[in-house]
Protein backbone atom coordinates (compact mmCIF):
# COMPACT_ATOMS: atom_id res chain seq x y z
CA UNK A 1 78.12 -8.00 1.81
CA UNK A 2 77.34 -9.51 5.36
CA UNK A 3 73.85 -8.40 4.91
CA UNK A 4 73.54 -10.61 1.79
CA UNK A 5 73.21 -13.86 3.85
CA UNK A 6 69.78 -13.02 5.03
CA UNK A 7 68.85 -11.64 1.70
CA UNK A 8 70.02 -14.83 -0.08
CA UNK A 9 67.77 -16.97 2.24
CA UNK A 10 64.68 -14.72 1.85
CA UNK A 11 64.80 -13.84 -1.77
CA UNK A 12 65.11 -15.86 -4.89
CA UNK A 13 67.59 -13.54 -6.64
CA UNK A 14 69.92 -10.69 -6.52
CA UNK A 15 70.42 -8.20 -9.26
CA UNK A 16 73.74 -6.53 -8.56
CA UNK A 17 73.16 -3.82 -11.08
CA UNK A 18 69.39 -3.27 -11.36
CA UNK A 19 68.05 -0.53 -13.72
CA UNK A 20 66.44 1.01 -10.75
CA UNK A 21 68.56 0.86 -7.65
CA UNK A 22 66.63 -0.61 -4.68
CA UNK A 23 69.04 -0.18 -1.80
CA UNK A 24 70.82 2.82 -0.42
CA UNK A 25 73.58 2.30 1.99
CA UNK A 26 74.07 4.79 4.73
CA UNK A 27 77.70 5.83 5.16
CA UNK A 28 79.50 4.61 8.24
CA UNK A 29 82.30 6.79 9.63
CA UNK A 30 83.44 4.99 12.87
CA UNK A 31 84.49 1.56 13.95
CA UNK A 32 81.36 1.54 16.24
CA UNK A 33 79.06 2.15 13.37
CA UNK A 34 80.62 -0.63 11.23
CA UNK A 35 80.60 -3.09 14.29
CA UNK A 36 76.99 -2.34 14.79
CA UNK A 37 76.08 -2.91 11.17
CA UNK A 38 77.92 -6.12 11.14
CA UNK A 39 76.17 -7.24 14.36
CA UNK A 40 72.83 -6.38 12.89
CA UNK A 41 73.48 -8.24 9.69
CA UNK A 42 74.70 -11.41 11.66
CA UNK A 43 71.64 -11.37 13.72
CA UNK A 44 69.42 -11.22 10.54
CA UNK A 45 71.43 -13.93 8.89
CA UNK A 46 71.06 -16.24 12.11
CA UNK A 47 67.22 -15.49 12.13
CA UNK A 48 66.81 -16.26 8.49
CA UNK A 49 68.77 -19.38 8.56
CA UNK A 50 66.92 -20.60 11.70
CA UNK A 51 63.63 -20.11 10.01
CA UNK A 52 64.73 -21.66 6.70
CA UNK A 53 63.63 -25.22 5.72
CA UNK A 54 65.58 -27.61 3.62
CA UNK A 55 63.12 -27.13 0.91
CA UNK A 56 63.58 -23.42 0.92
CA UNK A 57 67.35 -23.84 0.83
CA UNK A 58 67.08 -26.18 -2.06
CA UNK A 59 65.27 -23.86 -4.40
CA UNK A 60 67.27 -22.15 -7.16
CA UNK A 61 68.76 -18.91 -6.45
CA UNK A 62 70.03 -16.37 -9.27
CA UNK A 63 72.42 -13.54 -9.24
CA UNK A 64 72.14 -11.23 -12.33
CA UNK A 65 73.24 -8.07 -13.60
CA UNK A 66 70.51 -6.01 -15.46
CA UNK A 67 72.77 -2.95 -15.92
CA UNK A 68 71.80 0.59 -15.26
CA UNK A 69 71.25 2.82 -18.31
CA UNK A 70 73.73 5.80 -18.12
């Protein structure tokens, strides 16, 4: 979820259950891997927020759930 911050700034919506999955998470097995992923997400979030204008942050944002067919 830490990576969602940059995504929420750079995209208009998030479908938490799209019909076709769009992201594949790589498994992390060590504390070092988890910390590196968190630091990367934090850097991406800072960059996205630093580049965001008030107008961009004021636009509507949608969270939806399309549902995958089983």
